mmCIF file of all heavy atoms, coordinates in Angstrom:
data_MODEL
# 
_entry.id   MODEL 
# 
loop_
_atom_site.group_PDB 
_atom_site.id 
_atom_site.type_symbol 
_atom_site.label_atom_id 
_atom_site.label_alt_id 
_atom_site.label_comp_id 
_atom_site.label_asym_id 
_atom_site.label_entity_id 
_atom_site.label_seq_id 
_atom_site.pdbx_PDB_ins_code 
_atom_site.Cartn_x 
_atom_site.Cartn_y 
_atom_site.Cartn_z 
_atom_site.occupancy 
_atom_site.B_iso_or_equiv 
_atom_site.pdbx_formal_charge 
_atom_site.auth_seq_id 
_atom_site.auth_comp_id 
_atom_site.auth_asym_id 
_atom_site.auth_atom_id 
_atom_site.pdbx_PDB_model_num 
ATOM 1   N N   . ALA A 1 1  ? 168.396 78.585 181.546 1.00 0.00 ? 1  ALA A N   1 
ATOM 2   C CA  . ALA A 1 1  ? 167.878 79.858 182.011 1.00 0.00 ? 1  ALA A CA  1 
ATOM 3   C C   . ALA A 1 1  ? 166.413 79.696 182.404 1.00 0.00 ? 1  ALA A C   1 
ATOM 4   O O   . ALA A 1 1  ? 165.686 78.880 181.824 1.00 0.00 ? 1  ALA A O   1 
ATOM 5   C CB  . ALA A 1 1  ? 168.013 80.916 180.923 1.00 0.00 ? 1  ALA A CB  1 
ATOM 6   N N   . ASP A 1 2  ? 165.986 80.473 183.383 1.00 0.00 ? 2  ASP A N   1 
ATOM 7   C CA  . ASP A 1 2  ? 164.599 80.385 183.816 1.00 0.00 ? 2  ASP A CA  1 
ATOM 8   C C   . ASP A 1 2  ? 163.621 80.646 182.675 1.00 0.00 ? 2  ASP A C   1 
ATOM 9   O O   . ASP A 1 2  ? 162.531 80.073 182.631 1.00 0.00 ? 2  ASP A O   1 
ATOM 10  C CB  . ASP A 1 2  ? 164.335 81.375 184.948 1.00 0.00 ? 2  ASP A CB  1 
ATOM 11  C CG  . ASP A 1 2  ? 164.992 80.969 186.250 1.00 0.00 ? 2  ASP A CG  1 
ATOM 12  O OD1 . ASP A 1 2  ? 165.346 79.781 186.407 1.00 0.00 ? 2  ASP A OD1 1 
ATOM 13  O OD2 . ASP A 1 2  ? 165.151 81.838 187.124 1.00 0.00 ? 2  ASP A OD2 1 
ATOM 14  N N   . SER A 1 3  ? 164.013 81.484 181.751 1.00 0.00 ? 3  SER A N   1 
ATOM 15  C CA  . SER A 1 3  ? 163.130 81.866 180.663 1.00 0.00 ? 3  SER A CA  1 
ATOM 16  C C   . SER A 1 3  ? 162.836 80.725 179.693 1.00 0.00 ? 3  SER A C   1 
ATOM 17  O O   . SER A 1 3  ? 161.846 80.775 178.965 1.00 0.00 ? 3  SER A O   1 
ATOM 18  C CB  . SER A 1 3  ? 163.722 83.050 179.896 1.00 0.00 ? 3  SER A CB  1 
ATOM 19  O OG  . SER A 1 3  ? 165.004 82.724 179.386 1.00 0.00 ? 3  SER A OG  1 
ATOM 20  N N   . VAL A 1 4  ? 163.691 79.707 179.675 1.00 0.00 ? 4  VAL A N   1 
ATOM 21  C CA  . VAL A 1 4  ? 163.507 78.596 178.745 1.00 0.00 ? 4  VAL A CA  1 
ATOM 22  C C   . VAL A 1 4  ? 163.278 77.269 179.444 1.00 0.00 ? 4  VAL A C   1 
ATOM 23  O O   . VAL A 1 4  ? 162.948 76.276 178.778 1.00 0.00 ? 4  VAL A O   1 
ATOM 24  C CB  . VAL A 1 4  ? 164.699 78.463 177.778 1.00 0.00 ? 4  VAL A CB  1 
ATOM 25  C CG1 . VAL A 1 4  ? 164.999 79.789 177.102 1.00 0.00 ? 4  VAL A CG1 1 
ATOM 26  C CG2 . VAL A 1 4  ? 165.937 77.936 178.503 1.00 0.00 ? 4  VAL A CG2 1 
ATOM 27  N N   . LYS A 1 5  ? 163.434 77.226 180.737 1.00 0.00 ? 5  LYS A N   1 
ATOM 28  C CA  . LYS A 1 5  ? 163.303 75.983 181.488 1.00 0.00 ? 5  LYS A CA  1 
ATOM 29  C C   . LYS A 1 5  ? 161.922 75.369 181.273 1.00 0.00 ? 5  LYS A C   1 
ATOM 30  O O   . LYS A 1 5  ? 160.905 76.054 181.353 1.00 0.00 ? 5  LYS A O   1 
ATOM 31  C CB  . LYS A 1 5  ? 163.554 76.236 182.967 1.00 0.00 ? 5  LYS A CB  1 
ATOM 32  C CG  . LYS A 1 5  ? 163.696 74.981 183.809 1.00 0.00 ? 5  LYS A CG  1 
ATOM 33  C CD  . LYS A 1 5  ? 164.077 75.328 185.243 1.00 0.00 ? 5  LYS A CD  1 
ATOM 34  C CE  . LYS A 1 5  ? 165.408 76.062 185.302 1.00 0.00 ? 5  LYS A CE  1 
ATOM 35  N NZ  . LYS A 1 5  ? 165.804 76.392 186.694 1.00 0.00 ? 5  LYS A NZ  1 
ATOM 36  N N   . GLY A 1 6  ? 161.914 74.083 180.998 1.00 0.00 ? 6  GLY A N   1 
ATOM 37  C CA  . GLY A 1 6  ? 160.672 73.383 180.741 1.00 0.00 ? 6  GLY A CA  1 
ATOM 38  C C   . GLY A 1 6  ? 160.248 73.391 179.291 1.00 0.00 ? 6  GLY A C   1 
ATOM 39  O O   . GLY A 1 6  ? 159.360 72.620 178.900 1.00 0.00 ? 6  GLY A O   1 
ATOM 40  N N   . ARG A 1 7  ? 160.860 74.243 178.492 1.00 0.00 ? 7  ARG A N   1 
ATOM 41  C CA  . ARG A 1 7  ? 160.535 74.334 177.074 1.00 0.00 ? 7  ARG A CA  1 
ATOM 42  C C   . ARG A 1 7  ? 161.689 73.898 176.180 1.00 0.00 ? 7  ARG A C   1 
ATOM 43  O O   . ARG A 1 7  ? 161.474 73.320 175.118 1.00 0.00 ? 7  ARG A O   1 
ATOM 44  C CB  . ARG A 1 7  ? 160.128 75.758 176.710 1.00 0.00 ? 7  ARG A CB  1 
ATOM 45  C CG  . ARG A 1 7  ? 158.912 76.268 177.470 1.00 0.00 ? 7  ARG A CG  1 
ATOM 46  C CD  . ARG A 1 7  ? 158.440 77.614 176.943 1.00 0.00 ? 7  ARG A CD  1 
ATOM 47  N NE  . ARG A 1 7  ? 159.463 78.650 177.103 1.00 0.00 ? 7  ARG A NE  1 
ATOM 48  C CZ  . ARG A 1 7  ? 160.025 79.312 176.097 1.00 0.00 ? 7  ARG A CZ  1 
ATOM 49  N NH1 . ARG A 1 7  ? 159.656 79.063 174.846 1.00 0.00 ? 7  ARG A NH1 1 
ATOM 50  N NH2 . ARG A 1 7  ? 160.937 80.247 176.333 1.00 0.00 ? 7  ARG A NH2 1 
ATOM 51  N N   . PHE A 1 8  ? 162.901 74.181 176.609 1.00 0.00 ? 8  PHE A N   1 
ATOM 52  C CA  . PHE A 1 8  ? 164.087 73.852 175.824 1.00 0.00 ? 8  PHE A CA  1 
ATOM 53  C C   . PHE A 1 8  ? 164.806 72.661 176.439 1.00 0.00 ? 8  PHE A C   1 
ATOM 54  O O   . PHE A 1 8  ? 164.818 72.491 177.664 1.00 0.00 ? 8  PHE A O   1 
ATOM 55  C CB  . PHE A 1 8  ? 165.065 75.029 175.780 1.00 0.00 ? 8  PHE A CB  1 
ATOM 56  C CG  . PHE A 1 8  ? 164.608 76.207 174.966 1.00 0.00 ? 8  PHE A CG  1 
ATOM 57  C CD1 . PHE A 1 8  ? 163.307 76.333 174.513 1.00 0.00 ? 8  PHE A CD1 1 
ATOM 58  C CD2 . PHE A 1 8  ? 165.511 77.213 174.648 1.00 0.00 ? 8  PHE A CD2 1 
ATOM 59  C CE1 . PHE A 1 8  ? 162.893 77.421 173.769 1.00 0.00 ? 8  PHE A CE1 1 
ATOM 60  C CE2 . PHE A 1 8  ? 165.124 78.313 173.903 1.00 0.00 ? 8  PHE A CE2 1 
ATOM 61  C CZ  . PHE A 1 8  ? 163.811 78.415 173.465 1.00 0.00 ? 8  PHE A CZ  1 
ATOM 62  N N   . THR A 1 9  ? 165.429 71.866 175.594 1.00 0.00 ? 9  THR A N   1 
ATOM 63  C CA  . THR A 1 9  ? 166.235 70.745 176.040 1.00 0.00 ? 9  THR A CA  1 
ATOM 64  C C   . THR A 1 9  ? 167.553 70.743 175.281 1.00 0.00 ? 9  THR A C   1 
ATOM 65  O O   . THR A 1 9  ? 167.558 70.724 174.048 1.00 0.00 ? 9  THR A O   1 
ATOM 66  C CB  . THR A 1 9  ? 165.523 69.404 175.821 1.00 0.00 ? 9  THR A CB  1 
ATOM 67  O OG1 . THR A 1 9  ? 164.272 69.392 176.517 1.00 0.00 ? 9  THR A OG1 1 
ATOM 68  C CG2 . THR A 1 9  ? 166.386 68.254 176.332 1.00 0.00 ? 9  THR A CG2 1 
ATOM 69  N N   . VAL A 1 10 ? 168.651 70.766 176.018 1.00 0.00 ? 10 VAL A N   1 
ATOM 70  C CA  . VAL A 1 10 ? 169.962 70.697 175.395 1.00 0.00 ? 10 VAL A CA  1 
ATOM 71  C C   . VAL A 1 10 ? 170.493 69.274 175.522 1.00 0.00 ? 10 VAL A C   1 
ATOM 72  O O   . VAL A 1 10 ? 170.317 68.625 176.558 1.00 0.00 ? 10 VAL A O   1 
ATOM 73  C CB  . VAL A 1 10 ? 170.931 71.723 176.029 1.00 0.00 ? 10 VAL A CB  1 
ATOM 74  C CG1 . VAL A 1 10 ? 171.165 71.448 177.505 1.00 0.00 ? 10 VAL A CG1 1 
ATOM 75  C CG2 . VAL A 1 10 ? 172.252 71.763 175.264 1.00 0.00 ? 10 VAL A CG2 1 
ATOM 76  N N   . SER A 1 11 ? 171.102 68.793 174.469 1.00 0.00 ? 11 SER A N   1 
ATOM 77  C CA  . SER A 1 11 ? 171.665 67.454 174.466 1.00 0.00 ? 11 SER A CA  1 
ATOM 78  C C   . SER A 1 11 ? 172.899 67.452 173.578 1.00 0.00 ? 11 SER A C   1 
ATOM 79  O O   . SER A 1 11 ? 173.166 68.415 172.867 1.00 0.00 ? 11 SER A O   1 
ATOM 80  C CB  . SER A 1 11 ? 170.643 66.419 173.985 1.00 0.00 ? 11 SER A CB  1 
ATOM 81  O OG  . SER A 1 11 ? 170.231 66.689 172.659 1.00 0.00 ? 11 SER A OG  1 
ATOM 82  N N   . ARG A 1 12 ? 173.642 66.357 173.631 1.00 0.00 ? 12 ARG A N   1 
ATOM 83  C CA  . ARG A 1 12 ? 174.817 66.264 172.779 1.00 0.00 ? 12 ARG A CA  1 
ATOM 84  C C   . ARG A 1 12 ? 175.051 64.838 172.344 1.00 0.00 ? 12 ARG A C   1 
ATOM 85  O O   . ARG A 1 12 ? 174.670 63.882 173.030 1.00 0.00 ? 12 ARG A O   1 
ATOM 86  C CB  . ARG A 1 12 ? 176.061 66.829 173.484 1.00 0.00 ? 12 ARG A CB  1 
ATOM 87  C CG  . ARG A 1 12 ? 176.542 66.020 174.679 1.00 0.00 ? 12 ARG A CG  1 
ATOM 88  C CD  . ARG A 1 12 ? 177.584 66.806 175.480 1.00 0.00 ? 12 ARG A CD  1 
ATOM 89  N NE  . ARG A 1 12 ? 178.775 67.102 174.700 1.00 0.00 ? 12 ARG A NE  1 
ATOM 90  C CZ  . ARG A 1 12 ? 179.671 68.041 175.031 1.00 0.00 ? 12 ARG A CZ  1 
ATOM 91  N NH1 . ARG A 1 12 ? 179.486 68.789 176.123 1.00 0.00 ? 12 ARG A NH1 1 
ATOM 92  N NH2 . ARG A 1 12 ? 180.740 68.235 174.264 1.00 0.00 ? 12 ARG A NH2 1 
ATOM 93  N N   . ASP A 1 13 ? 175.683 64.713 171.204 1.00 0.00 ? 13 ASP A N   1 
ATOM 94  C CA  . ASP A 1 13 ? 176.087 63.431 170.658 1.00 0.00 ? 13 ASP A CA  1 
ATOM 95  C C   . ASP A 1 13 ? 177.562 63.568 170.330 1.00 0.00 ? 13 ASP A C   1 
ATOM 96  O O   . ASP A 1 13 ? 177.933 64.085 169.276 1.00 0.00 ? 13 ASP A O   1 
ATOM 97  C CB  . ASP A 1 13 ? 175.270 63.074 169.424 1.00 0.00 ? 13 ASP A CB  1 
ATOM 98  C CG  . ASP A 1 13 ? 175.574 61.683 168.901 1.00 0.00 ? 13 ASP A CG  1 
ATOM 99  O OD1 . ASP A 1 13 ? 176.626 61.117 169.236 1.00 0.00 ? 13 ASP A OD1 1 
ATOM 100 O OD2 . ASP A 1 13 ? 174.737 61.148 168.143 1.00 0.00 ? 13 ASP A OD2 1 
ATOM 101 N N   . ASN A 1 14 ? 178.394 63.121 171.240 1.00 0.00 ? 14 ASN A N   1 
ATOM 102 C CA  . ASN A 1 14 ? 179.828 63.319 171.070 1.00 0.00 ? 14 ASN A CA  1 
ATOM 103 C C   . ASN A 1 14 ? 180.388 62.539 169.884 1.00 0.00 ? 14 ASN A C   1 
ATOM 104 O O   . ASN A 1 14 ? 181.383 62.956 169.286 1.00 0.00 ? 14 ASN A O   1 
ATOM 105 C CB  . ASN A 1 14 ? 180.567 62.935 172.353 1.00 0.00 ? 14 ASN A CB  1 
ATOM 106 C CG  . ASN A 1 14 ? 180.363 63.949 173.454 1.00 0.00 ? 14 ASN A CG  1 
ATOM 107 O OD1 . ASN A 1 14 ? 179.918 65.067 173.212 1.00 0.00 ? 14 ASN A OD1 1 
ATOM 108 N ND2 . ASN A 1 14 ? 180.679 63.565 174.684 1.00 0.00 ? 14 ASN A ND2 1 
ATOM 109 N N   . ALA A 1 15 ? 179.767 61.428 169.547 1.00 0.00 ? 15 ALA A N   1 
ATOM 110 C CA  . ALA A 1 15 ? 180.215 60.668 168.389 1.00 0.00 ? 15 ALA A CA  1 
ATOM 111 C C   . ALA A 1 15 ? 180.049 61.464 167.105 1.00 0.00 ? 15 ALA A C   1 
ATOM 112 O O   . ALA A 1 15 ? 180.770 61.238 166.132 1.00 0.00 ? 15 ALA A O   1 
ATOM 113 C CB  . ALA A 1 15 ? 179.461 59.345 168.291 1.00 0.00 ? 15 ALA A CB  1 
ATOM 114 N N   . LYS A 1 16 ? 179.087 62.382 167.102 1.00 0.00 ? 16 LYS A N   1 
ATOM 115 C CA  . LYS A 1 16 ? 178.840 63.226 165.941 1.00 0.00 ? 16 LYS A CA  1 
ATOM 116 C C   . LYS A 1 16 ? 179.383 64.633 166.115 1.00 0.00 ? 16 LYS A C   1 
ATOM 117 O O   . LYS A 1 16 ? 179.170 65.485 165.250 1.00 0.00 ? 16 LYS A O   1 
ATOM 118 C CB  . LYS A 1 16 ? 177.344 63.288 165.649 1.00 0.00 ? 16 LYS A CB  1 
ATOM 119 C CG  . LYS A 1 16 ? 176.715 61.953 165.295 1.00 0.00 ? 16 LYS A CG  1 
ATOM 120 C CD  . LYS A 1 16 ? 175.230 62.110 165.013 1.00 0.00 ? 16 LYS A CD  1 
ATOM 121 C CE  . LYS A 1 16 ? 174.600 60.788 164.634 1.00 0.00 ? 16 LYS A CE  1 
ATOM 122 N NZ  . LYS A 1 16 ? 173.143 60.914 164.372 1.00 0.00 ? 16 LYS A NZ  1 
ATOM 123 N N   . ASN A 1 17 ? 180.055 64.881 167.222 1.00 0.00 ? 17 ASN A N   1 
ATOM 124 C CA  . ASN A 1 17 ? 180.586 66.214 167.524 1.00 0.00 ? 17 ASN A CA  1 
ATOM 125 C C   . ASN A 1 17 ? 179.501 67.278 167.437 1.00 0.00 ? 17 ASN A C   1 
ATOM 126 O O   . ASN A 1 17 ? 179.726 68.380 166.923 1.00 0.00 ? 17 ASN A O   1 
ATOM 127 C CB  . ASN A 1 17 ? 181.735 66.565 166.578 1.00 0.00 ? 17 ASN A CB  1 
ATOM 128 C CG  . ASN A 1 17 ? 182.971 65.735 166.825 1.00 0.00 ? 17 ASN A CG  1 
ATOM 129 O OD1 . ASN A 1 17 ? 183.197 65.248 167.926 1.00 0.00 ? 17 ASN A OD1 1 
ATOM 130 N ND2 . ASN A 1 17 ? 183.790 65.572 165.804 1.00 0.00 ? 17 ASN A ND2 1 
ATOM 131 N N   . THR A 1 18 ? 178.342 66.958 167.962 1.00 0.00 ? 18 THR A N   1 
ATOM 132 C CA  . THR A 1 18 ? 177.187 67.824 167.786 1.00 0.00 ? 18 THR A CA  1 
ATOM 133 C C   . THR A 1 18 ? 176.459 68.043 169.103 1.00 0.00 ? 18 THR A C   1 
ATOM 134 O O   . THR A 1 18 ? 176.264 67.103 169.880 1.00 0.00 ? 18 THR A O   1 
ATOM 135 C CB  . THR A 1 18 ? 176.212 67.232 166.760 1.00 0.00 ? 18 THR A CB  1 
ATOM 136 O OG1 . THR A 1 18 ? 176.894 67.043 165.513 1.00 0.00 ? 18 THR A OG1 1 
ATOM 137 C CG2 . THR A 1 18 ? 175.030 68.158 166.540 1.00 0.00 ? 18 THR A CG2 1 
ATOM 138 N N   . VAL A 1 19 ? 176.057 69.273 169.328 1.00 0.00 ? 19 VAL A N   1 
ATOM 139 C CA  . VAL A 1 19 ? 175.185 69.616 170.435 1.00 0.00 ? 19 VAL A CA  1 
ATOM 140 C C   . VAL A 1 19 ? 173.874 70.130 169.851 1.00 0.00 ? 19 VAL A C   1 
ATOM 141 O O   . VAL A 1 19 ? 173.870 70.779 168.800 1.00 0.00 ? 19 VAL A O   1 
ATOM 142 C CB  . VAL A 1 19 ? 175.838 70.648 171.380 1.00 0.00 ? 19 VAL A CB  1 
ATOM 143 C CG1 . VAL A 1 19 ? 176.091 71.971 170.663 1.00 0.00 ? 19 VAL A CG1 1 
ATOM 144 C CG2 . VAL A 1 19 ? 174.991 70.851 172.621 1.00 0.00 ? 19 VAL A CG2 1 
ATOM 145 N N   . TYR A 1 20 ? 172.774 69.837 170.536 1.00 0.00 ? 20 TYR A N   1 
ATOM 146 C CA  . TYR A 1 20 ? 171.454 70.183 170.047 1.00 0.00 ? 20 TYR A CA  1 
ATOM 147 C C   . TYR A 1 20 ? 170.725 71.066 171.047 1.00 0.00 ? 20 TYR A C   1 
ATOM 148 O O   . TYR A 1 20 ? 170.978 71.027 172.248 1.00 0.00 ? 20 TYR A O   1 
ATOM 149 C CB  . TYR A 1 20 ? 170.611 68.927 169.813 1.00 0.00 ? 20 TYR A CB  1 
ATOM 150 C CG  . TYR A 1 20 ? 171.238 67.920 168.889 1.00 0.00 ? 20 TYR A CG  1 
ATOM 151 C CD1 . TYR A 1 20 ? 171.995 66.868 169.394 1.00 0.00 ? 20 TYR A CD1 1 
ATOM 152 C CD2 . TYR A 1 20 ? 171.070 68.015 167.512 1.00 0.00 ? 20 TYR A CD2 1 
ATOM 153 C CE1 . TYR A 1 20 ? 172.567 65.935 168.553 1.00 0.00 ? 20 TYR A CE1 1 
ATOM 154 C CE2 . TYR A 1 20 ? 171.643 67.091 166.663 1.00 0.00 ? 20 TYR A CE2 1 
ATOM 155 C CZ  . TYR A 1 20 ? 172.392 66.049 167.189 1.00 0.00 ? 20 TYR A CZ  1 
ATOM 156 O OH  . TYR A 1 20 ? 172.966 65.125 166.345 1.00 0.00 ? 20 TYR A OH  1 
ATOM 157 N N   . LEU A 1 21 ? 169.808 71.835 170.526 1.00 0.00 ? 21 LEU A N   1 
ATOM 158 C CA  . LEU A 1 21 ? 168.883 72.572 171.368 1.00 0.00 ? 21 LEU A CA  1 
ATOM 159 C C   . LEU A 1 21 ? 167.483 72.353 170.817 1.00 0.00 ? 21 LEU A C   1 
ATOM 160 O O   . LEU A 1 21 ? 167.123 72.918 169.780 1.00 0.00 ? 21 LEU A O   1 
ATOM 161 C CB  . LEU A 1 21 ? 169.223 74.062 171.406 1.00 0.00 ? 21 LEU A CB  1 
ATOM 162 C CG  . LEU A 1 21 ? 168.388 74.885 172.381 1.00 0.00 ? 21 LEU A CG  1 
ATOM 163 C CD1 . LEU A 1 21 ? 168.689 74.484 173.823 1.00 0.00 ? 21 LEU A CD1 1 
ATOM 164 C CD2 . LEU A 1 21 ? 168.636 76.383 172.187 1.00 0.00 ? 21 LEU A CD2 1 
ATOM 165 N N   . GLN A 1 22 ? 166.721 71.523 171.511 1.00 0.00 ? 22 GLN A N   1 
ATOM 166 C CA  . GLN A 1 22 ? 165.333 71.285 171.150 1.00 0.00 ? 22 GLN A CA  1 
ATOM 167 C C   . GLN A 1 22 ? 164.479 72.346 171.816 1.00 0.00 ? 22 GLN A C   1 
ATOM 168 O O   . GLN A 1 22 ? 164.473 72.468 173.040 1.00 0.00 ? 22 GLN A O   1 
ATOM 169 C CB  . GLN A 1 22 ? 164.902 69.889 171.598 1.00 0.00 ? 22 GLN A CB  1 
ATOM 170 C CG  . GLN A 1 22 ? 163.418 69.589 171.384 1.00 0.00 ? 22 GLN A CG  1 
ATOM 171 C CD  . GLN A 1 22 ? 163.037 69.530 169.925 1.00 0.00 ? 22 GLN A CD  1 
ATOM 172 O OE1 . GLN A 1 22 ? 163.714 68.879 169.136 1.00 0.00 ? 22 GLN A OE1 1 
ATOM 173 N NE2 . GLN A 1 22 ? 161.963 70.214 169.553 1.00 0.00 ? 22 GLN A NE2 1 
ATOM 174 N N   . MET A 1 23 ? 163.768 73.101 171.018 1.00 0.00 ? 23 MET A N   1 
ATOM 175 C CA  . MET A 1 23 ? 162.971 74.207 171.512 1.00 0.00 ? 23 MET A CA  1 
ATOM 176 C C   . MET A 1 23 ? 161.501 73.919 171.246 1.00 0.00 ? 23 MET A C   1 
ATOM 177 O O   . MET A 1 23 ? 161.096 73.764 170.094 1.00 0.00 ? 23 MET A O   1 
ATOM 178 C CB  . MET A 1 23 ? 163.387 75.515 170.843 1.00 0.00 ? 23 MET A CB  1 
ATOM 179 C CG  . MET A 1 23 ? 164.870 75.830 171.002 1.00 0.00 ? 23 MET A CG  1 
ATOM 180 S SD  . MET A 1 23 ? 165.339 77.408 170.250 1.00 0.00 ? 23 MET A SD  1 
ATOM 181 C CE  . MET A 1 23 ? 165.046 77.035 168.520 1.00 0.00 ? 23 MET A CE  1 
ATOM 182 N N   . ASN A 1 24 ? 160.728 73.849 172.312 1.00 0.00 ? 24 ASN A N   1 
ATOM 183 C CA  . ASN A 1 24 ? 159.299 73.593 172.216 1.00 0.00 ? 24 ASN A CA  1 
ATOM 184 C C   . ASN A 1 24 ? 158.517 74.778 172.752 1.00 0.00 ? 24 ASN A C   1 
ATOM 185 O O   . ASN A 1 24 ? 159.038 75.588 173.525 1.00 0.00 ? 24 ASN A O   1 
ATOM 186 C CB  . ASN A 1 24 ? 158.926 72.334 172.995 1.00 0.00 ? 24 ASN A CB  1 
ATOM 187 C CG  . ASN A 1 24 ? 159.589 71.087 172.477 1.00 0.00 ? 24 ASN A CG  1 
ATOM 188 O OD1 . ASN A 1 24 ? 159.737 70.913 171.269 1.00 0.00 ? 24 ASN A OD1 1 
ATOM 189 N ND2 . ASN A 1 24 ? 159.982 70.198 173.380 1.00 0.00 ? 24 ASN A ND2 1 
ATOM 190 N N   . ASN A 1 25 ? 157.253 74.841 172.366 1.00 0.00 ? 25 ASN A N   1 
ATOM 191 C CA  . ASN A 1 25 ? 156.374 75.924 172.820 1.00 0.00 ? 25 ASN A CA  1 
ATOM 192 C C   . ASN A 1 25 ? 157.049 77.283 172.672 1.00 0.00 ? 25 ASN A C   1 
ATOM 193 O O   . ASN A 1 25 ? 157.106 78.084 173.604 1.00 0.00 ? 25 ASN A O   1 
ATOM 194 C CB  . ASN A 1 25 ? 155.953 75.683 174.272 1.00 0.00 ? 25 ASN A CB  1 
ATOM 195 C CG  . ASN A 1 25 ? 154.845 76.609 174.721 1.00 0.00 ? 25 ASN A CG  1 
ATOM 196 O OD1 . ASN A 1 25 ? 154.072 77.116 173.901 1.00 0.00 ? 25 ASN A OD1 1 
ATOM 197 N ND2 . ASN A 1 25 ? 154.755 76.848 176.023 1.00 0.00 ? 25 ASN A ND2 1 
ATOM 198 N N   . LEU A 1 26 ? 157.529 77.536 171.495 1.00 0.00 ? 26 LEU A N   1 
ATOM 199 C CA  . LEU A 1 26 ? 158.266 78.771 171.256 1.00 0.00 ? 26 LEU A CA  1 
ATOM 200 C C   . LEU A 1 26 ? 157.369 79.990 171.395 1.00 0.00 ? 26 LEU A C   1 
ATOM 201 O O   . LEU A 1 26 ? 156.180 79.963 171.065 1.00 0.00 ? 26 LEU A O   1 
ATOM 202 C CB  . LEU A 1 26 ? 158.898 78.736 169.870 1.00 0.00 ? 26 LEU A CB  1 
ATOM 203 C CG  . LEU A 1 26 ? 160.147 77.861 169.777 1.00 0.00 ? 26 LEU A CG  1 
ATOM 204 C CD1 . LEU A 1 26 ? 160.454 77.511 168.334 1.00 0.00 ? 26 LEU A CD1 1 
ATOM 205 C CD2 . LEU A 1 26 ? 161.331 78.574 170.425 1.00 0.00 ? 26 LEU A CD2 1 
# 
């Protein structure tokens, strides 16, 4: 979303069945 672009990063680790949301400059 435009509101989070540049601050948030979504990633995933399929081996761990996990998705992450790294949130910076909250």
